[in-house]
Amino acid sequence: MLDVTKRKMCKSMEIVNSVDASVSCCGKEPPYDHPRVYLEIDKEKKEVSCLYCSKKFRLIEPK
């Protein structure tokens, strides 16, 4: 019988600032990448997270 235990994975949260509400995410460099997804940043919350890798994208005001 295989003993399976839960592990708490510690990831460093990556946050990307964007002046555009439309962003795309493909993860990290191979082999840690994932299919490219296109996300729309919520204009009220000013934030969206990738469903694959949890990378956060924040909407900022242009300089």
PDB file of N, CA and C in Angstrom:
ATOM      1  N   MET A   1       0.840  -1.179   0.000  1.00  0.00           N
ATOM      2  CA  MET A   1       0.000   0.000   0.000  1.00  0.00           C
ATOM      3  C   MET A   1       0.884   1.242   0.000  1.00  0.00           C
ATOM      4  N   LEU A   2       0.525   2.201  -0.822  1.00  0.00           N
ATOM      5  CA  LEU A   2       1.294   3.430  -0.950  1.00  0.00           C
ATOM      6  C   LEU A   2       0.818   4.443   0.078  1.00  0.00           C
ATOM      7  N   ASP A   3       1.755   4.966   0.852  1.00  0.00           N
ATOM      8  CA  ASP A   3       1.421   5.972   1.848  1.00  0.00           C
ATOM      9  C   ASP A   3       1.524   7.351   1.204  1.00  0.00           C
ATOM     10  N   VAL A   4       0.412   8.018   1.080  1.00  0.00           N
ATOM     11  CA  VAL A   4       0.393   9.341   0.462  1.00  0.00           C
ATOM     12  C   VAL A   4       0.162  10.374   1.556  1.00  0.00           C
ATOM     13  N   THR A   5       1.071  11.324   1.655  1.00  0.00           N
ATOM     14  CA  THR A   5       0.915  12.391   2.643  1.00  0.00           C
ATOM     15  C   THR A   5       0.770  13.721   1.933  1.00  0.00           C
ATOM     16  N   LYS A   6       0.081  14.626   2.582  1.00  0.00           N
ATOM     17  CA  LYS A   6      -0.102  15.952   2.001  1.00  0.00           C
ATOM     18  C   LYS A   6       1.153  16.779   2.241  1.00  0.00           C
ATOM     19  N   ARG A   7       1.537  17.513   1.229  1.00  0.00           N
ATOM     20  CA  ARG A   7       2.674  18.415   1.345  1.00  0.00           C
ATOM     21  C   ARG A   7       2.185  19.835   1.137  1.00  0.00           C
ATOM     22  N   LYS A   8       2.715  20.716   1.909  1.00  0.00           N
ATOM     23  CA  LYS A   8       2.403  22.125   1.715  1.00  0.00           C
ATOM     24  C   LYS A   8       3.482  22.691   0.809  1.00  0.00           C
ATOM     25  N   MET A   9       3.077  23.096  -0.382  1.00  0.00           N
ATOM     26  CA  MET A   9       4.037  23.627  -1.339  1.00  0.00           C
ATOM     27  C   MET A   9       4.190  25.122  -1.116  1.00  0.00           C
ATOM     28  N   CYS A  10       5.415  25.553  -1.060  1.00  0.00           N
ATOM     29  CA  CYS A  10       5.704  26.963  -0.854  1.00  0.00           C
ATOM     30  C   CYS A  10       6.103  27.568  -2.194  1.00  0.00           C
ATOM     31  N   LYS A  11       5.266  28.431  -2.721  1.00  0.00           N
ATOM     32  CA  LYS A  11       5.553  29.090  -3.988  1.00  0.00           C
ATOM     33  C   LYS A  11       5.770  30.564  -3.715  1.00  0.00           C
ATOM     34  N   SER A  12       6.686  31.146  -4.439  1.00  0.00           N
ATOM     35  CA  SER A  12       6.797  32.592  -4.351  1.00  0.00           C
ATOM     36  C   SER A  12       5.744  33.167  -5.284  1.00  0.00           C
ATOM     37  N   MET A  13       4.941  34.050  -4.766  1.00  0.00           N
ATOM     38  CA  MET A  13       3.849  34.632  -5.531  1.00  0.00           C
ATOM     39  C   MET A  13       4.423  35.650  -6.505  1.00  0.00           C
ATOM     40  N   GLU A  14       4.153  35.457  -7.779  1.00  0.00           N
ATOM     41  CA  GLU A  14       4.619  36.393  -8.793  1.00  0.00           C
ATOM     42  C   GLU A  14       3.483  37.346  -9.123  1.00  0.00           C
ATOM     43  N   ILE A  15       3.791  38.647  -9.103  1.00  0.00           N
ATOM     44  CA  ILE A  15       2.806  39.677  -9.410  1.00  0.00           C
ATOM     45  C   ILE A  15       3.321  40.494 -10.581  1.00  0.00           C
ATOM     46  N   VAL A  16       2.468  40.641 -11.595  1.00  0.00           N
ATOM     47  CA  VAL A  16       2.828  41.392 -12.795  1.00  0.00           C
ATOM     48  C   VAL A  16       1.915  42.609 -12.886  1.00  0.00           C
ATOM     49  N   ASN A  17       2.510  43.798 -12.990  1.00  0.00           N
ATOM     50  CA  ASN A  17       1.736  45.029 -13.170  1.00  0.00           C
ATOM     51  C   ASN A  17       1.506  45.255 -14.649  1.00  0.00           C
ATOM     52  N   SER A  18       0.296  45.716 -14.991  1.00  0.00           N
ATOM     53  CA  SER A  18      -0.056  45.942 -16.388  1.00  0.00           C
ATOM     54  C   SER A  18      -0.900  47.204 -16.515  1.00  0.00           C
ATOM     55  N   VAL A  19      -0.654  47.973 -17.572  1.00  0.00           N
ATOM     56  CA  VAL A  19      -1.498  49.138 -17.859  1.00  0.00           C
ATOM     57  C   VAL A  19      -2.675  48.728 -18.745  1.00  0.00           C
ATOM     58  N   ASP A  20      -2.622  47.533 -19.307  1.00  0.00           N
ATOM     59  CA  ASP A  20      -3.705  47.009 -20.143  1.00  0.00           C
ATOM     60  C   ASP A  20      -4.548  46.029 -19.337  1.00  0.00           C
ATOM     61  N   ALA A  21      -5.866  46.062 -19.546  1.00  0.00           N
ATOM     62  CA  ALA A  21      -6.764  45.151 -18.834  1.00  0.00           C
ATOM     63  C   ALA A  21      -6.721  43.741 -19.420  1.00  0.00           C
ATOM     64  N   SER A  22      -6.253  43.595 -20.661  1.00  0.00           N
ATOM     65  CA  SER A  22      -6.131  42.272 -21.293  1.00  0.00           C
ATOM     66  C   SER A  22      -4.692  41.798 -21.174  1.00  0.00           C
ATOM     67  N   VAL A  23      -4.499  40.624 -20.576  1.00  0.00           N
ATOM     68  CA  VAL A  23      -3.161  40.065 -20.387  1.00  0.00           C
ATOM     69  C   VAL A  23      -3.161  38.596 -20.797  1.00  0.00           C
ATOM     70  N   SER A  24      -1.968  38.042 -20.979  1.00  0.00           N
ATOM     71  CA  SER A  24      -1.851  36.611 -21.265  1.00  0.00           C
ATOM     72  C   SER A  24      -0.797  36.009 -20.349  1.00  0.00           C
ATOM     73  N   CYS A  25      -0.939  34.717 -20.090  1.00  0.00           N
ATOM     74  CA  CYS A  25      -0.004  34.016 -19.216  1.00  0.00           C
ATOM     75  C   CYS A  25       0.309  32.651 -19.818  1.00  0.00           C
ATOM     76  N   CYS A  26       1.588  32.289 -19.805  1.00  0.00           N
ATOM     77  CA  CYS A  26       1.997  30.948 -20.255  1.00  0.00           C
ATOM     78  C   CYS A  26       2.902  30.295 -19.219  1.00  0.00           C
ATOM     79  N   GLY A  27       2.863  30.792 -17.987  1.00  0.00           N
ATOM     80  CA  GLY A  27       3.655  30.208 -16.916  1.00  0.00           C
ATOM     81  C   GLY A  27       5.093  30.657 -16.968  1.00  0.00           C
ATOM     82  N   LYS A  28       5.979  29.754 -16.620  1.00  0.00           N
ATOM     83  CA  LYS A  28       7.414  30.020 -16.600  1.00  0.00           C
ATOM     84  C   LYS A  28       8.059  29.401 -17.832  1.00  0.00           C
ATOM     85  N   GLU A  29       9.365  29.347 -17.820  1.00  0.00           N
ATOM     86  CA  GLU A  29      10.110  28.695 -18.900  1.00  0.00           C
ATOM     87  C   GLU A  29       9.882  27.182 -18.829  1.00  0.00           C
ATOM     88  N   PRO A  30       9.917  26.490 -19.994  1.00  0.00           N
ATOM     89  CA  PRO A  30       9.764  25.028 -19.989  1.00  0.00           C
ATOM     90  C   PRO A  30      10.788  24.389 -19.057  1.00  0.00           C
ATOM     91  N   PRO A  31      10.458  23.400 -18.343  1.00  0.00           N
ATOM     92  CA  PRO A  31       9.256  22.564 -18.379  1.00  0.00           C
ATOM     93  C   PRO A  31       8.159  23.031 -17.427  1.00  0.00           C
ATOM     94  N   TYR A  32       8.247  24.245 -16.910  1.00  0.00           N
ATOM     95  CA  TYR A  32       7.269  24.739 -15.933  1.00  0.00           C
ATOM     96  C   TYR A  32       6.208  25.632 -16.570  1.00  0.00           C
ATOM     97  N   ASP A  33       6.057  25.534 -17.869  1.00  0.00           N
ATOM     98  CA  ASP A  33       5.078  26.356 -18.566  1.00  0.00           C
ATOM     99  C   ASP A  33       3.714  25.665 -18.592  1.00  0.00           C
ATOM    100  N   HIS A  34       2.738  26.354 -19.137  1.00  0.00           N
ATOM    101  CA  HIS A  34       1.397  25.799 -19.312  1.00  0.00           C
ATOM    102  C   HIS A  34       0.810  26.422 -20.574  1.00  0.00           C
ATOM    103  N   PRO A  35      -0.326  25.927 -21.051  1.00  0.00           N
ATOM    104  CA  PRO A  35      -0.927  26.528 -22.249  1.00  0.00           C
ATOM    105  C   PRO A  35      -1.192  28.020 -22.028  1.00  0.00           C
ATOM    106  N   ARG A  36      -0.970  28.806 -23.074  1.00  0.00           N
ATOM    107  CA  ARG A  36      -1.212  30.256 -22.974  1.00  0.00           C
ATOM    108  C   ARG A  36      -2.701  30.505 -22.763  1.00  0.00           C
ATOM    109  N   VAL A  37      -2.991  31.324 -21.763  1.00  0.00           N
ATOM    110  CA  VAL A  37      -4.367  31.723 -21.489  1.00  0.00           C
ATOM    111  C   VAL A  37      -4.450  33.244 -21.544  1.00  0.00           C
ATOM    112  N   TYR A  38      -5.594  33.731 -21.960  1.00  0.00           N
ATOM    113  CA  TYR A  38      -5.834  35.168 -22.038  1.00  0.00           C
ATOM    114  C   TYR A  38      -6.809  35.541 -20.933  1.00  0.00           C
ATOM    115  N   LEU A  39      -6.450  36.562 -20.183  1.00  0.00           N
ATOM    116  CA  LEU A  39      -7.229  36.963 -19.018  1.00  0.00           C
ATOM    117  C   LEU A  39      -7.629  38.427 -19.131  1.00  0.00           C
ATOM    118  N   GLU A  40      -8.742  38.761 -18.519  1.00  0.00           N
ATOM    119  CA  GLU A  40      -9.215  40.146 -18.474  1.00  0.00           C
ATOM    120  C   GLU A  40      -9.186  40.588 -17.012  1.00  0.00           C
ATOM    121  N   ILE A  41      -8.453  41.660 -16.735  1.00  0.00           N
ATOM    122  CA  ILE A  41      -8.351  42.159 -15.369  1.00  0.00           C
ATOM    123  C   ILE A  41      -9.643  42.894 -15.014  1.00  0.00           C
ATOM    124  N   ASP A  42     -10.230  42.508 -13.890  1.00  0.00           N
ATOM    125  CA  ASP A  42     -11.448  43.148 -13.394  1.00  0.00           C
ATOM    126  C   ASP A  42     -11.132  44.599 -13.044  1.00  0.00           C
ATOM    127  N   LYS A  43     -11.880  45.538 -13.624  1.00  0.00           N
ATOM    128  CA  LYS A  43     -11.572  46.961 -13.434  1.00  0.00           C
ATOM    129  C   LYS A  43     -11.924  47.456 -12.038  1.00  0.00           C
ATOM    130  N   GLU A  44     -12.806  46.772 -11.334  1.00  0.00           N
ATOM    131  CA  GLU A  44     -13.125  47.154  -9.955  1.00  0.00           C
ATOM    132  C   GLU A  44     -12.103  46.586  -8.977  1.00  0.00           C
ATOM    133  N   LYS A  45     -11.806  45.296  -9.120  1.00  0.00           N
ATOM    134  CA  LYS A  45     -10.838  44.650  -8.229  1.00  0.00           C
ATOM    135  C   LYS A  45      -9.402  44.982  -8.612  1.00  0.00           C
ATOM    136  N   LYS A  46      -9.203  45.332  -9.886  1.00  0.00           N
ATOM    137  CA  LYS A  46      -7.889  45.667 -10.447  1.00  0.00           C
ATOM    138  C   LYS A  46      -6.886  44.524 -10.315  1.00  0.00           C
ATOM    139  N   GLU A  47      -7.405  43.280 -10.381  1.00  0.00           N
ATOM    140  CA  GLU A  47      -6.519  42.130 -10.233  1.00  0.00           C
ATOM    141  C   GLU A  47      -7.182  40.889 -10.821  1.00  0.00           C
ATOM    142  N   VAL A  48      -6.354  39.991 -11.357  1.00  0.00           N
ATOM    143  CA  VAL A  48      -6.823  38.687 -11.822  1.00  0.00           C
ATOM    144  C   VAL A  48      -5.681  37.696 -11.616  1.00  0.00           C
ATOM    145  N   SER A  49      -6.024  36.430 -11.373  1.00  0.00           N
ATOM    146  CA  SER A  49      -5.025  35.381 -11.180  1.00  0.00           C
ATOM    147  C   SER A  49      -5.155  34.328 -12.264  1.00  0.00           C
ATOM    148  N   CYS A  50      -4.018  33.805 -12.707  1.00  0.00           N
ATOM    149  CA  CYS A  50      -4.004  32.723 -13.682  1.00  0.00           C
ATOM    150  C   CYS A  50      -4.522  31.444 -13.017  1.00  0.00           C
ATOM    151  N   LEU A  51      -5.396  30.740 -13.707  1.00  0.00           N
ATOM    152  CA  LEU A  51      -5.968  29.513 -13.155  1.00  0.00           C
ATOM    153  C   LEU A  51      -4.969  28.364 -13.120  1.00  0.00           C
ATOM    154  N   TYR A  52      -3.934  28.423 -13.960  1.00  0.00           N
ATOM    155  CA  TYR A  52      -2.928  27.359 -13.995  1.00  0.00           C
ATOM    156  C   TYR A  52      -1.852  27.549 -12.929  1.00  0.00           C
ATOM    157  N   CYS A  53      -1.247  28.739 -12.890  1.00  0.00           N
ATOM    158  CA  CYS A  53      -0.057  28.925 -12.056  1.00  0.00           C
ATOM    159  C   CYS A  53      -0.235  29.929 -10.921  1.00  0.00           C
ATOM    160  N   SER A  54      -1.400  30.543 -10.819  1.00  0.00           N
ATOM    161  CA  SER A  54      -1.725  31.513  -9.773  1.00  0.00           C
ATOM    162  C   SER A  54      -0.943  32.821  -9.855  1.00  0.00           C
ATOM    163  N   LYS A  55      -0.267  33.058 -10.981  1.00  0.00           N
ATOM    164  CA  LYS A  55       0.413  34.340 -11.158  1.00  0.00           C
ATOM    165  C   LYS A  55      -0.651  35.429 -11.141  1.00  0.00           C
ATOM    166  N   LYS A  56      -0.375  36.528 -10.412  1.00  0.00           N
ATOM    167  CA  LYS A  56      -1.342  37.620 -10.316  1.00  0.00           C
ATOM    168  C   LYS A  56      -0.970  38.741 -11.267  1.00  0.00           C
ATOM    169  N   PHE A  57      -1.992  39.312 -11.870  1.00  0.00           N
ATOM    170  CA  PHE A  57      -1.829  40.461 -12.751  1.00  0.00           C
ATOM    171  C   PHE A  57      -2.624  41.607 -12.144  1.00  0.00           C
ATOM    172  N   ARG A  58      -1.946  42.764 -11.963  1.00  0.00           N
ATOM    173  CA  ARG A  58      -2.593  43.935 -11.373  1.00  0.00           C
ATOM    174  C   ARG A  58      -2.659  45.059 -12.382  1.00  0.00           C
ATOM    175  N   LEU A  59      -3.799  45.711 -12.414  1.00  0.00           N
ATOM    176  CA  LEU A  59      -4.010  46.846 -13.297  1.00  0.00           C
ATOM    177  C   LEU A  59      -3.496  48.104 -12.610  1.00  0.00           C
ATOM    178  N   ILE A  60      -2.604  48.826 -13.304  1.00  0.00           N
ATOM    179  CA  ILE A  60      -2.059  50.070 -12.765  1.00  0.00           C
ATOM    180  C   ILE A  60      -2.352  51.209 -13.733  1.00  0.00           C
ATOM    181  N   GLU A  61      -2.287  52.417 -13.238  1.00  0.00           N
ATOM    182  CA  GLU A  61      -2.492  53.602 -14.067  1.00  0.00           C
ATOM    183  C   GLU A  61      -1.242  53.849 -14.902  1.00  0.00           C
ATOM    184  N   PRO A  62      -1.419  54.222 -16.171  1.00  0.00           N
ATOM    185  CA  PRO A  62      -0.243  54.533 -16.997  1.00  0.00           C
ATOM    186  C   PRO A  62       0.460  55.783 -16.468  1.00  0.00           C
ATOM    187  N   LYS A  63       1.769  55.812 -16.626  1.00  0.00           N
ATOM    188  CA  LYS A  63       2.560  56.964 -16.144  1.00  0.00           C
ATOM    189  C   LYS A  63       2.581  58.067 -17.148  1.00  0.00           C
TER     190      LYS A  63
END
